[in-house]
Amino acid sequence: MPAPPQHEQVEDEVIIDRGELSENAEADRDRIRVLAGSSETAASFQFDGEDHTLGNALRYIIMKNPDVEFCGYSIPHPSENKLNLRIQTYDNINVYTVLEKGLNDLMDMCDVISEKFVVARDGFYATTTDKNDNDDDNGGQQGGEEGGEAMEE
């Protein structure tokens, strides 16, 4: 059994996106904070403006990473729009890398779901359009009625 990882303390800091910055880069920088008591292998993050939607999905994705020992989230208070996420990793795996990978994997999964949804939606519209075209060819009649007689109820 490996020895428990040694954790060094770091002060609160704001995570700065090292990738492409959005138009609202200043606002984005302030949305994720590293809470006090965090280290390279165990950290708590606070996401402003997020709730269970991101929390549960991100927790699920991060826990699929075999380098992660623990990942959990909480909403500190229902009237505050904040999400706290805790990640602990095995050995010397960097927790910030794990968070970045989790966010990227979640975005990739959302892209796949979106693409599949669009394909299914377009397929549905294509079949309903074909059906409506066939109904128009029958003079708007449905159910094989002949002579334009209305169905009696």
C-alpha atoms as a PDB file:
ATOM      1  CA  MET A   1       0.000   0.000   0.000  1.00  0.00           C
ATOM      2  CA  PRO A   2       1.521   3.362  -0.988  1.00  0.00           C
ATOM      3  CA  ALA A   3       2.146   5.995   1.651  1.00  0.00           C
ATOM      4  CA  PRO A   4      -0.452   8.758   1.823  1.00  0.00           C
ATOM      5  CA  PRO A   5       0.475  11.742  -0.343  1.00  0.00           C
ATOM      6  CA  GLN A   6       2.086  14.725   1.334  1.00  0.00           C
ATOM      7  CA  HIS A   7       0.010  17.857   0.828  1.00  0.00           C
ATOM      8  CA  GLU A   8       1.499  21.314   0.869  1.00  0.00           C
ATOM      9  CA  GLN A   9      -0.668  24.321   1.661  1.00  0.00           C
ATOM     10  CA  VAL A  10      -1.360  27.058  -0.862  1.00  0.00           C
ATOM     11  CA  GLU A  11      -3.302  30.263  -0.373  1.00  0.00           C
ATOM     12  CA  ASP A  12      -6.588  31.129  -2.070  1.00  0.00           C
ATOM     13  CA  GLU A  13      -5.987  31.932  -5.699  1.00  0.00           C
ATOM     14  CA  VAL A  14      -7.999  32.468  -8.815  1.00  0.00           C
ATOM     15  CA  ILE A  15      -7.502  29.923 -11.590  1.00  0.00           C
ATOM     16  CA  ILE A  16      -6.495  31.604 -14.818  1.00  0.00           C
ATOM     17  CA  ASP A  17      -7.356  29.818 -18.035  1.00  0.00           C
ATOM     18  CA  ARG A  18      -4.131  29.026 -19.870  1.00  0.00           C
ATOM     19  CA  GLY A  19      -5.979  28.224 -23.107  1.00  0.00           C
ATOM     20  CA  GLU A  20      -8.006  30.536 -25.284  1.00  0.00           C
ATOM     21  CA  LEU A  21      -9.673  33.346 -23.386  1.00  0.00           C
ATOM     22  CA  SER A  22     -13.270  34.253 -24.091  1.00  0.00           C
ATOM     23  CA  GLU A  23     -14.486  37.786 -24.685  1.00  0.00           C
ATOM     24  CA  ASN A  24     -15.403  37.979 -20.999  1.00  0.00           C
ATOM     25  CA  ALA A  25     -11.980  36.803 -19.812  1.00  0.00           C
ATOM     26  CA  GLU A  26     -11.989  38.930 -16.675  1.00  0.00           C
ATOM     27  CA  ALA A  27     -15.385  37.597 -15.593  1.00  0.00           C
ATOM     28  CA  ASP A  28     -14.361  34.011 -16.417  1.00  0.00           C
ATOM     29  CA  ARG A  29     -11.215  34.272 -14.299  1.00  0.00           C
ATOM     30  CA  ASP A  30     -13.237  35.160 -11.234  1.00  0.00           C
ATOM     31  CA  ARG A  31     -15.727  32.291 -11.604  1.00  0.00           C
ATOM     32  CA  ILE A  32     -13.414  29.543 -10.258  1.00  0.00           C
ATOM     33  CA  ARG A  33     -11.458  29.942  -7.030  1.00  0.00           C
ATOM     34  CA  VAL A  34      -9.114  27.538  -5.273  1.00  0.00           C
ATOM     35  CA  LEU A  35     -10.122  27.400  -1.617  1.00  0.00           C
ATOM     36  CA  ALA A  36      -7.662  27.592   1.275  1.00  0.00           C
ATOM     37  CA  GLY A  37      -5.980  24.369   2.375  1.00  0.00           C
ATOM     38  CA  SER A  38      -5.452  23.068  -1.140  1.00  0.00           C
ATOM     39  CA  SER A  39      -2.344  21.330  -2.449  1.00  0.00           C
ATOM     40  CA  GLU A  40      -1.123  19.879  -5.738  1.00  0.00           C
ATOM     41  CA  THR A  41      -2.887  16.540  -5.085  1.00  0.00           C
ATOM     42  CA  ALA A  42      -5.952  17.651  -3.104  1.00  0.00           C
ATOM     43  CA  ALA A  43      -7.894  20.828  -3.706  1.00  0.00           C
ATOM     44  CA  SER A  44     -11.286  22.387  -3.206  1.00  0.00           C
ATOM     45  CA  PHE A  45     -12.633  24.688  -5.891  1.00  0.00           C
ATOM     46  CA  GLN A  46     -15.519  27.131  -5.768  1.00  0.00           C
ATOM     47  CA  PHE A  47     -17.464  27.794  -8.980  1.00  0.00           C
ATOM     48  CA  ASP A  48     -19.577  30.958  -8.937  1.00  0.00           C
ATOM     49  CA  GLY A  49     -22.854  30.886 -10.839  1.00  0.00           C
ATOM     50  CA  GLU A  50     -23.045  27.077 -11.025  1.00  0.00           C
ATOM     51  CA  ASP A  51     -25.289  24.455  -9.446  1.00  0.00           C
ATOM     52  CA  HIS A  52     -26.059  20.719  -9.437  1.00  0.00           C
ATOM     53  CA  THR A  53     -26.153  20.610 -13.248  1.00  0.00           C
ATOM     54  CA  LEU A  54     -22.417  21.147 -13.570  1.00  0.00           C
ATOM     55  CA  GLY A  55     -21.556  19.650 -10.176  1.00  0.00           C
ATOM     56  CA  ASN A  56     -22.972  16.178 -10.699  1.00  0.00           C
ATOM     57  CA  ALA A  57     -21.843  15.890 -14.328  1.00  0.00           C
ATOM     58  CA  LEU A  58     -18.307  17.048 -13.513  1.00  0.00           C
ATOM     59  CA  ARG A  59     -18.084  14.772 -10.462  1.00  0.00           C
ATOM     60  CA  TYR A  60     -19.164  11.804 -12.602  1.00  0.00           C
ATOM     61  CA  ILE A  61     -16.606  12.537 -15.343  1.00  0.00           C
ATOM     62  CA  ILE A  62     -13.738  13.183 -12.920  1.00  0.00           C
ATOM     63  CA  MET A  63     -14.429   9.982 -10.953  1.00  0.00           C
ATOM     64  CA  LYS A  64     -13.971   7.973 -14.169  1.00  0.00           C
ATOM     65  CA  ASN A  65     -10.300   9.042 -14.125  1.00  0.00           C
ATOM     66  CA  PRO A  66      -8.278   6.194 -12.522  1.00  0.00           C
ATOM     67  CA  ASP A  67      -5.836   8.722 -10.991  1.00  0.00           C
ATOM     68  CA  VAL A  68      -8.616  10.225  -8.839  1.00  0.00           C
ATOM     69  CA  GLU A  69      -9.045   8.981  -5.283  1.00  0.00           C
ATOM     70  CA  PHE A  70     -12.061  11.163  -4.415  1.00  0.00           C
ATOM     71  CA  CYS A  71     -14.288  13.728  -6.066  1.00  0.00           C
ATOM     72  CA  GLY A  72     -17.396  15.243  -4.544  1.00  0.00           C
ATOM     73  CA  TYR A  73     -19.365  18.444  -4.697  1.00  0.00           C
ATOM     74  CA  SER A  74     -21.731  20.420  -2.523  1.00  0.00           C
ATOM     75  CA  ILE A  75     -23.901  23.481  -2.772  1.00  0.00           C
ATOM     76  CA  PRO A  76     -23.052  25.432   0.405  1.00  0.00           C
ATOM     77  CA  HIS A  77     -26.454  27.124   0.656  1.00  0.00           C
ATOM     78  CA  PRO A  78     -29.540  26.895  -1.591  1.00  0.00           C
ATOM     79  CA  SER A  79     -29.887  30.673  -1.879  1.00  0.00           C
ATOM     80  CA  GLU A  80     -26.266  31.118  -3.021  1.00  0.00           C
ATOM     81  CA  ASN A  81     -25.422  30.263  -6.603  1.00  0.00           C
ATOM     82  CA  LYS A  82     -22.101  28.580  -5.734  1.00  0.00           C
ATOM     83  CA  LEU A  83     -20.708  25.090  -6.197  1.00  0.00           C
ATOM     84  CA  ASN A  84     -17.865  23.615  -4.147  1.00  0.00           C
ATOM     85  CA  LEU A  85     -15.930  20.760  -5.761  1.00  0.00           C
ATOM     86  CA  ARG A  86     -13.309  18.669  -3.930  1.00  0.00           C
ATOM     87  CA  ILE A  87     -10.774  16.534  -5.834  1.00  0.00           C
ATOM     88  CA  GLN A  88      -8.124  14.253  -4.322  1.00  0.00           C
ATOM     89  CA  THR A  89      -5.672  12.329  -6.491  1.00  0.00           C
ATOM     90  CA  TYR A  90      -3.340   9.386  -5.977  1.00  0.00           C
ATOM     91  CA  ASP A  91       0.448   9.745  -5.750  1.00  0.00           C
ATOM     92  CA  ASN A  92       1.814  12.841  -7.474  1.00  0.00           C
ATOM     93  CA  ILE A  93      -1.004  13.472  -9.951  1.00  0.00           C
ATOM     94  CA  ASN A  94      -1.691  17.206 -10.262  1.00  0.00           C
ATOM     95  CA  VAL A  95      -5.243  18.073  -9.220  1.00  0.00           C
ATOM     96  CA  TYR A  96      -5.371  21.082 -11.569  1.00  0.00           C
ATOM     97  CA  THR A  97      -4.588  18.837 -14.540  1.00  0.00           C
ATOM     98  CA  VAL A  98      -7.368  16.474 -13.420  1.00  0.00           C
ATOM     99  CA  LEU A  99      -9.869  19.354 -13.223  1.00  0.00           C
ATOM    100  CA  GLU A 100      -8.866  20.637 -16.658  1.00  0.00           C
ATOM    101  CA  LYS A 101      -9.161  17.131 -18.144  1.00  0.00           C
ATOM    102  CA  GLY A 102     -12.565  16.686 -16.488  1.00  0.00           C
ATOM    103  CA  LEU A 103     -13.870  19.949 -17.913  1.00  0.00           C
ATOM    104  CA  ASN A 104     -12.524  19.113 -21.389  1.00  0.00           C
ATOM    105  CA  ASP A 105     -13.990  15.581 -21.270  1.00  0.00           C
ATOM    106  CA  LEU A 106     -17.362  16.995 -20.197  1.00  0.00           C
ATOM    107  CA  MET A 107     -17.310  19.497 -23.079  1.00  0.00           C
ATOM    108  CA  ASP A 108     -16.437  16.686 -25.512  1.00  0.00           C
ATOM    109  CA  MET A 109     -19.296  14.558 -24.177  1.00  0.00           C
ATOM    110  CA  CYS A 110     -21.720  17.478 -24.555  1.00  0.00           C
ATOM    111  CA  ASP A 111     -20.545  17.982 -28.156  1.00  0.00           C
ATOM    112  CA  VAL A 112     -21.226  14.308 -28.969  1.00  0.00           C
ATOM    113  CA  ILE A 113     -24.675  14.462 -27.361  1.00  0.00           C
ATOM    114  CA  SER A 114     -25.473  17.662 -29.257  1.00  0.00           C
ATOM    115  CA  GLU A 115     -24.385  16.144 -32.583  1.00  0.00           C
ATOM    116  CA  LYS A 116     -26.466  12.997 -31.999  1.00  0.00           C
ATOM    117  CA  PHE A 117     -29.458  15.120 -31.023  1.00  0.00           C
ATOM    118  CA  VAL A 118     -29.208  17.212 -34.204  1.00  0.00           C
ATOM    119  CA  VAL A 119     -28.971  14.069 -36.371  1.00  0.00           C
ATOM    120  CA  ALA A 120     -32.008  12.523 -34.639  1.00  0.00           C
ATOM    121  CA  ARG A 121     -33.980  15.779 -34.861  1.00  0.00           C
ATOM    122  CA  ASP A 122     -33.193  16.191 -38.552  1.00  0.00           C
ATOM    123  CA  GLY A 123     -34.165  12.563 -39.170  1.00  0.00           C
ATOM    124  CA  PHE A 124     -37.450  13.116 -37.349  1.00  0.00           C
ATOM    125  CA  TYR A 125     -38.238  16.261 -39.328  1.00  0.00           C
ATOM    126  CA  ALA A 126     -37.382  14.462 -42.581  1.00  0.00           C
ATOM    127  CA  THR A 127     -39.841  11.636 -41.831  1.00  0.00           C
ATOM    128  CA  THR A 128     -42.605  13.978 -40.665  1.00  0.00           C
ATOM    129  CA  THR A 129     -42.101  16.182 -43.738  1.00  0.00           C
ATOM    130  CA  ASP A 130     -42.376  13.112 -45.988  1.00  0.00           C
ATOM    131  CA  LYS A 131     -45.553  12.063 -44.168  1.00  0.00           C
ATOM    132  CA  ASN A 132     -47.043  15.547 -44.516  1.00  0.00           C
ATOM    133  CA  ASP A 133     -46.165  15.562 -48.231  1.00  0.00           C
ATOM    134  CA  ASN A 134     -47.974  12.228 -48.663  1.00  0.00           C
ATOM    135  CA  ASP A 135     -50.996  13.590 -46.795  1.00  0.00           C
ATOM    136  CA  ASP A 136     -51.042  16.576 -49.157  1.00  0.00           C
ATOM    137  CA  ASP A 137     -50.956  14.200 -52.156  1.00  0.00           C
ATOM    138  CA  ASN A 138     -54.129  12.534 -50.818  1.00  0.00           C
ATOM    139  CA  GLY A 139     -55.940  15.843 -50.696  1.00  0.00           C
ATOM    140  CA  GLY A 140     -55.373  16.169 -46.981  1.00  0.00           C
ATOM    141  CA  GLN A 141     -57.333  12.999 -46.295  1.00  0.00           C
ATOM    142  CA  GLN A 142     -56.100  10.643 -43.642  1.00  0.00           C
ATOM    143  CA  GLY A 143     -56.904   7.060 -42.851  1.00  0.00           C
ATOM    144  CA  GLY A 144     -57.721   6.041 -46.435  1.00  0.00           C
ATOM    145  CA  GLU A 145     -61.061   7.869 -46.592  1.00  0.00           C
ATOM    146  CA  GLU A 146     -62.540   8.076 -50.056  1.00  0.00           C
ATOM    147  CA  GLY A 147     -64.876  10.590 -51.606  1.00  0.00           C
ATOM    148  CA  GLY A 148     -64.108  13.299 -49.047  1.00  0.00           C
ATOM    149  CA  GLU A 149     -66.712  11.988 -46.605  1.00  0.00           C
ATOM    150  CA  ALA A 150     -66.156  13.059 -43.038  1.00  0.00           C
ATOM    151  CA  MET A 151     -65.861  10.435 -40.384  1.00  0.00           C
ATOM    152  CA  GLU A 152     -68.868  10.287 -38.083  1.00  0.00           C
ATOM    153  CA  GLU A 153     -68.325  10.068 -34.342  1.00  0.00           C
END
